[in-house]
């Protein structure tokens, strides 16, 4: 065998191996925040809160799966594994996971390494009470609260 045919054979073997790596997807959720005075965040996943100059609450959920097949990832996303639930009872908004406690994912190769982080963007006139509760004064948003 020549070196060229050995390289071609080795390339063929490498291409036939299943690819493994990190699977990543970003999901977006937006909730109107005009009439909200209190925001309660009840997420079990990792999250960070950022202010922005907009009246909506915007959530960017980044999901990364390592050691897991693409088919499993697509399936669990379609089934709502990472969906968020927002409950608005003016003037309060609560954000939580649609599935509060998720069972671990496993594949033929064993457990999947699952990393989830939510970046929550809230209107800039909110003030942090604690990491999970944010409020704003009604007087700061009189033009949109209760249609005034």
C-alpha atoms as a PDB file:
ATOM      1  CA  UNK A   1       0.000   0.000   0.000  1.00  0.00           C
ATOM      2  CA  UNK A   2       1.199   3.441  -0.805  1.00  0.00           C
ATOM      3  CA  UNK A   3       1.112   6.355   1.593  1.00  0.00           C
ATOM      4  CA  UNK A   4      -1.611   7.986  -0.476  1.00  0.00           C
ATOM      5  CA  UNK A   5      -3.908   4.951  -0.209  1.00  0.00           C
ATOM      6  CA  UNK A   6      -3.193   4.653   3.536  1.00  0.00           C
ATOM      7  CA  UNK A   7      -4.158   8.294   4.041  1.00  0.00           C
ATOM      8  CA  UNK A   8      -7.333   7.822   1.999  1.00  0.00           C
ATOM      9  CA  UNK A   9      -8.240   4.729   4.027  1.00  0.00           C
ATOM     10  CA  UNK A  10      -7.536   6.513   7.343  1.00  0.00           C
ATOM     11  CA  UNK A  11      -9.652   9.493   6.238  1.00  0.00           C
ATOM     12  CA  UNK A  12     -12.508   7.162   5.349  1.00  0.00           C
ATOM     13  CA  UNK A  13     -12.323   5.541   8.797  1.00  0.00           C
ATOM     14  CA  UNK A  14     -12.355   8.912  10.547  1.00  0.00           C
ATOM     15  CA  UNK A  15     -15.341  10.111   8.539  1.00  0.00           C
ATOM     16  CA  UNK A  16     -17.311   6.998   9.386  1.00  0.00           C
ATOM     17  CA  UNK A  17     -16.959   7.517  13.150  1.00  0.00           C
ATOM     18  CA  UNK A  18     -19.913   9.224  14.842  1.00  0.00           C
ATOM     19  CA  UNK A  19     -19.223  12.855  15.546  1.00  0.00           C
ATOM     20  CA  UNK A  20     -19.453  13.895  19.129  1.00  0.00           C
ATOM     21  CA  UNK A  21     -19.203  17.354  20.551  1.00  0.00           C
ATOM     22  CA  UNK A  22     -21.252  19.992  22.168  1.00  0.00           C
ATOM     23  CA  UNK A  23     -24.740  20.696  20.934  1.00  0.00           C
ATOM     24  CA  UNK A  24     -25.878  24.261  21.561  1.00  0.00           C
ATOM     25  CA  UNK A  25     -29.152  26.066  21.113  1.00  0.00           C
ATOM     26  CA  UNK A  26     -30.433  29.459  22.210  1.00  0.00           C
ATOM     27  CA  UNK A  27     -34.143  29.889  22.908  1.00  0.00           C
ATOM     28  CA  UNK A  28     -35.844  33.277  23.266  1.00  0.00           C
ATOM     29  CA  UNK A  29     -38.839  34.302  25.356  1.00  0.00           C
ATOM     30  CA  UNK A  30     -40.407  37.755  25.563  1.00  0.00           C
ATOM     31  CA  UNK A  31     -43.037  38.933  28.044  1.00  0.00           C
ATOM     32  CA  UNK A  32     -44.704  42.373  28.028  1.00  0.00           C
ATOM     33  CA  UNK A  33     -43.594  44.293  31.104  1.00  0.00           C
ATOM     34  CA  UNK A  34     -45.544  47.540  30.839  1.00  0.00           C
ATOM     35  CA  UNK A  35     -47.873  46.919  33.774  1.00  0.00           C
ATOM     36  CA  UNK A  36     -45.429  44.955  35.926  1.00  0.00           C
ATOM     37  CA  UNK A  37     -44.231  46.368  39.244  1.00  0.00           C
ATOM     38  CA  UNK A  38     -42.790  43.161  40.719  1.00  0.00           C
ATOM     39  CA  UNK A  39     -40.797  40.446  38.976  1.00  0.00           C
ATOM     40  CA  UNK A  40     -40.217  37.134  40.750  1.00  0.00           C
ATOM     41  CA  UNK A  41     -37.684  34.711  39.226  1.00  0.00           C
ATOM     42  CA  UNK A  42     -38.264  31.105  40.283  1.00  0.00           C
ATOM     43  CA  UNK A  43     -35.736  29.273  38.103  1.00  0.00           C
ATOM     44  CA  UNK A  44     -33.750  26.254  39.248  1.00  0.00           C
ATOM     45  CA  UNK A  45     -31.251  26.766  36.407  1.00  0.00           C
ATOM     46  CA  UNK A  46     -28.376  29.219  36.366  1.00  0.00           C
ATOM     47  CA  UNK A  47     -29.442  32.756  35.449  1.00  0.00           C
ATOM     48  CA  UNK A  48     -28.207  36.321  35.338  1.00  0.00           C
ATOM     49  CA  UNK A  49     -30.262  39.519  35.271  1.00  0.00           C
ATOM     50  CA  UNK A  50     -29.416  42.538  33.129  1.00  0.00           C
ATOM     51  CA  UNK A  51     -31.251  45.829  32.688  1.00  0.00           C
ATOM     52  CA  UNK A  52     -32.037  47.295  29.300  1.00  0.00           C
ATOM     53  CA  UNK A  53     -33.929  50.247  27.882  1.00  0.00           C
ATOM     54  CA  UNK A  54     -37.109  48.471  26.842  1.00  0.00           C
ATOM     55  CA  UNK A  55     -40.481  47.841  28.481  1.00  0.00           C
ATOM     56  CA  UNK A  56     -40.486  44.062  27.857  1.00  0.00           C
ATOM     57  CA  UNK A  57     -38.876  41.274  29.850  1.00  0.00           C
ATOM     58  CA  UNK A  58     -36.675  39.321  27.457  1.00  0.00           C
ATOM     59  CA  UNK A  59     -35.096  35.953  28.254  1.00  0.00           C
ATOM     60  CA  UNK A  60     -32.313  34.298  26.318  1.00  0.00           C
ATOM     61  CA  UNK A  61     -31.886  30.649  27.328  1.00  0.00           C
ATOM     62  CA  UNK A  62     -28.645  28.994  26.270  1.00  0.00           C
ATOM     63  CA  UNK A  63     -28.629  25.194  26.385  1.00  0.00           C
ATOM     64  CA  UNK A  64     -25.464  23.190  25.837  1.00  0.00           C
ATOM     65  CA  UNK A  65     -25.411  19.396  25.787  1.00  0.00           C
ATOM     66  CA  UNK A  66     -22.148  17.490  25.684  1.00  0.00           C
ATOM     67  CA  UNK A  67     -21.829  13.750  25.085  1.00  0.00           C
ATOM     68  CA  UNK A  68     -25.354  13.544  23.696  1.00  0.00           C
ATOM     69  CA  UNK A  69     -26.735  12.811  20.234  1.00  0.00           C
ATOM     70  CA  UNK A  70     -28.351  15.509  18.123  1.00  0.00           C
ATOM     71  CA  UNK A  71     -31.598  13.514  17.861  1.00  0.00           C
ATOM     72  CA  UNK A  72     -32.029  13.445  21.648  1.00  0.00           C
ATOM     73  CA  UNK A  73     -31.346  17.178  21.845  1.00  0.00           C
ATOM     74  CA  UNK A  74     -33.891  18.047  19.159  1.00  0.00           C
ATOM     75  CA  UNK A  75     -36.486  15.771  20.763  1.00  0.00           C
ATOM     76  CA  UNK A  76     -36.220  17.237  24.276  1.00  0.00           C
ATOM     77  CA  UNK A  77     -36.326  20.799  22.930  1.00  0.00           C
ATOM     78  CA  UNK A  78     -39.477  19.997  20.913  1.00  0.00           C
ATOM     79  CA  UNK A  79     -41.052  18.385  23.990  1.00  0.00           C
ATOM     80  CA  UNK A  80     -40.626  21.626  25.966  1.00  0.00           C
ATOM     81  CA  UNK A  81     -37.875  20.502  28.339  1.00  0.00           C
ATOM     82  CA  UNK A  82     -36.425  24.027  28.421  1.00  0.00           C
ATOM     83  CA  UNK A  83     -39.667  26.004  28.112  1.00  0.00           C
ATOM     84  CA  UNK A  84     -40.311  28.799  30.561  1.00  0.00           C
ATOM     85  CA  UNK A  85     -43.616  29.651  32.184  1.00  0.00           C
ATOM     86  CA  UNK A  86     -44.617  33.218  32.948  1.00  0.00           C
ATOM     87  CA  UNK A  87     -47.576  33.951  35.173  1.00  0.00           C
ATOM     88  CA  UNK A  88     -48.770  37.530  35.141  1.00  0.00           C
ATOM     89  CA  UNK A  89     -51.164  38.772  37.779  1.00  0.00           C
ATOM     90  CA  UNK A  90     -50.846  42.527  37.429  1.00  0.00           C
ATOM     91  CA  UNK A  91     -48.881  44.123  38.841  1.00  0.00           C
ATOM     92  CA  UNK A  92     -46.708  40.997  39.388  1.00  0.00           C
ATOM     93  CA  UNK A  93     -44.926  38.657  37.008  1.00  0.00           C
ATOM     94  CA  UNK A  94     -43.445  35.310  37.957  1.00  0.00           C
ATOM     95  CA  UNK A  95     -41.042  33.408  35.705  1.00  0.00           C
ATOM     96  CA  UNK A  96     -40.362  29.722  36.257  1.00  0.00           C
ATOM     97  CA  UNK A  97     -39.508  26.560  34.377  1.00  0.00           C
ATOM     98  CA  UNK A  98     -42.408  24.758  32.732  1.00  0.00           C
ATOM     99  CA  UNK A  99     -40.835  21.507  33.997  1.00  0.00           C
ATOM    100  CA  UNK A 100     -39.611  22.368  37.506  1.00  0.00           C
ATOM    101  CA  UNK A 101     -37.418  19.314  38.138  1.00  0.00           C
ATOM    102  CA  UNK A 102     -35.955  17.693  35.062  1.00  0.00           C
ATOM    103  CA  UNK A 103     -34.679  14.130  35.132  1.00  0.00           C
ATOM    104  CA  UNK A 104     -31.117  13.739  33.867  1.00  0.00           C
ATOM    105  CA  UNK A 105     -30.595  12.885  30.206  1.00  0.00           C
ATOM    106  CA  UNK A 106     -28.794   9.718  29.185  1.00  0.00           C
ATOM    107  CA  UNK A 107     -27.694   8.365  25.837  1.00  0.00           C
ATOM    108  CA  UNK A 108     -26.105   5.127  24.662  1.00  0.00           C
ATOM    109  CA  UNK A 109     -22.778   6.554  25.822  1.00  0.00           C
ATOM    110  CA  UNK A 110     -24.000   7.345  29.337  1.00  0.00           C
ATOM    111  CA  UNK A 111     -25.245  10.532  31.013  1.00  0.00           C
ATOM    112  CA  UNK A 112     -25.389  13.733  28.979  1.00  0.00           C
ATOM    113  CA  UNK A 113     -23.619  16.782  30.375  1.00  0.00           C
ATOM    114  CA  UNK A 114     -26.332  19.466  30.340  1.00  0.00           C
ATOM    115  CA  UNK A 115     -25.593  23.162  30.923  1.00  0.00           C
ATOM    116  CA  UNK A 116     -28.414  25.722  31.005  1.00  0.00           C
ATOM    117  CA  UNK A 117     -28.065  29.455  31.554  1.00  0.00           C
ATOM    118  CA  UNK A 118     -30.783  32.100  31.246  1.00  0.00           C
ATOM    119  CA  UNK A 119     -29.944  35.753  30.597  1.00  0.00           C
ATOM    120  CA  UNK A 120     -32.926  37.811  31.731  1.00  0.00           C
ATOM    121  CA  UNK A 121     -33.227  41.370  30.448  1.00  0.00           C
ATOM    122  CA  UNK A 122     -35.571  43.568  32.469  1.00  0.00           C
ATOM    123  CA  UNK A 123     -36.600  47.233  32.073  1.00  0.00           C
ATOM    124  CA  UNK A 124     -33.965  49.586  33.466  1.00  0.00           C
ATOM    125  CA  UNK A 125     -36.306  51.141  36.044  1.00  0.00           C
ATOM    126  CA  UNK A 126     -36.463  47.907  38.085  1.00  0.00           C
ATOM    127  CA  UNK A 127     -34.494  47.769  41.346  1.00  0.00           C
ATOM    128  CA  UNK A 128     -33.139  44.544  42.846  1.00  0.00           C
ATOM    129  CA  UNK A 129     -34.621  43.505  46.206  1.00  0.00           C
ATOM    130  CA  UNK A 130     -32.672  40.235  46.042  1.00  0.00           C
ATOM    131  CA  UNK A 131     -31.340  38.090  43.211  1.00  0.00           C
ATOM    132  CA  UNK A 132     -34.779  36.581  42.596  1.00  0.00           C
ATOM    133  CA  UNK A 133     -37.065  39.583  43.190  1.00  0.00           C
ATOM    134  CA  UNK A 134     -37.041  42.864  41.315  1.00  0.00           C
ATOM    135  CA  UNK A 135     -39.428  45.808  41.792  1.00  0.00           C
ATOM    136  CA  UNK A 136     -40.084  49.243  40.400  1.00  0.00           C
ATOM    137  CA  UNK A 137     -41.909  52.206  41.819  1.00  0.00           C
ATOM    138  CA  UNK A 138     -45.275  52.916  40.271  1.00  0.00           C
ATOM    139  CA  UNK A 139     -44.406  56.595  39.942  1.00  0.00           C
ATOM    140  CA  UNK A 140     -41.468  55.735  37.670  1.00  0.00           C
ATOM    141  CA  UNK A 141     -43.782  54.118  35.154  1.00  0.00           C
ATOM    142  CA  UNK A 142     -47.040  56.056  35.472  1.00  0.00           C
ATOM    143  CA  UNK A 143     -47.456  56.399  31.725  1.00  0.00           C
ATOM    144  CA  UNK A 144     -47.881  52.661  31.218  1.00  0.00           C
ATOM    145  CA  UNK A 145     -49.204  51.334  34.538  1.00  0.00           C
ATOM    146  CA  UNK A 146     -52.988  50.812  34.442  1.00  0.00           C
ATOM    147  CA  UNK A 147     -53.270  52.771  31.201  1.00  0.00           C
ATOM    148  CA  UNK A 148     -52.529  56.168  32.774  1.00  0.00           C
END
